[in-house]
């Protein structure tokens, strides 16, 4: 059962990392601002499902 605990811990930081990556990607493509917004919305929806 102990193995189940660390597995869940890994799932939690994964969601946080995804959010950080999305923010970095948004800052990188300054030219395609509209596209970045759409991508960010998709990432937000995915994060909500994981939670």
Protein backbone atom coordinates (compact mmCIF):
# COMPACT_ATOMS: atom_id res chain seq x y z
CA UNK A 1 0.00 0.00 0.00
CA UNK A 2 2.93 2.30 0.60
CA UNK A 3 3.64 2.25 -3.13
CA UNK A 4 0.23 3.84 -3.77
CA UNK A 5 1.19 6.92 -1.74
CA UNK A 6 4.25 7.99 -3.83
CA UNK A 7 2.34 7.37 -7.06
CA UNK A 8 -0.28 9.94 -6.07
CA UNK A 9 2.41 12.40 -5.03
CA UNK A 10 3.88 12.22 -8.55
CA UNK A 11 0.48 12.95 -10.09
CA UNK A 12 0.09 16.16 -8.10
CA UNK A 13 3.33 17.89 -9.23
CA UNK A 14 2.71 16.80 -12.81
CA UNK A 15 -0.37 19.05 -13.02
CA UNK A 16 1.58 21.97 -11.60
CA UNK A 17 4.41 21.52 -14.08
CA UNK A 18 1.93 21.46 -16.97
CA UNK A 19 0.52 24.84 -15.87
CA UNK A 20 3.99 26.36 -15.64
CA UNK A 21 4.90 25.04 -19.08
CA UNK A 22 1.73 26.53 -20.55
CA UNK A 23 2.63 29.95 -19.14
CA UNK A 24 6.16 29.74 -20.56
CA UNK A 25 4.85 28.70 -23.98
CA UNK A 26 2.43 31.63 -23.94
CA UNK A 27 5.28 34.10 -23.37
CA UNK A 28 7.43 32.56 -26.11
CA UNK A 29 5.03 32.95 -29.08
CA UNK A 30 4.38 36.69 -28.73
CA UNK A 31 3.43 36.93 -32.41
CA UNK A 32 0.70 34.27 -32.26
CA UNK A 33 -1.06 35.70 -29.23
CA UNK A 34 -4.48 34.46 -30.36
CA UNK A 35 -3.18 30.91 -30.80
CA UNK A 36 -1.55 30.97 -27.36
CA UNK A 37 -4.84 31.94 -25.72
CA UNK A 38 -6.60 28.97 -27.34
CA UNK A 39 -3.86 26.59 -26.20
CA UNK A 40 -4.01 27.95 -22.67
CA UNK A 41 -7.78 27.35 -22.53
CA UNK A 42 -7.30 23.72 -23.59
CA UNK A 43 -4.60 23.20 -20.94
CA UNK A 44 -6.89 24.64 -18.26
CA UNK A 45 -9.68 22.25 -19.21
CA UNK A 46 -7.31 19.29 -19.14
CA UNK A 47 -5.99 20.27 -15.72
CA UNK A 48 -9.54 20.43 -14.38
CA UNK A 49 -10.23 16.89 -15.60
CA UNK A 50 -7.08 15.54 -13.97
CA UNK A 51 -8.04 17.11 -10.67
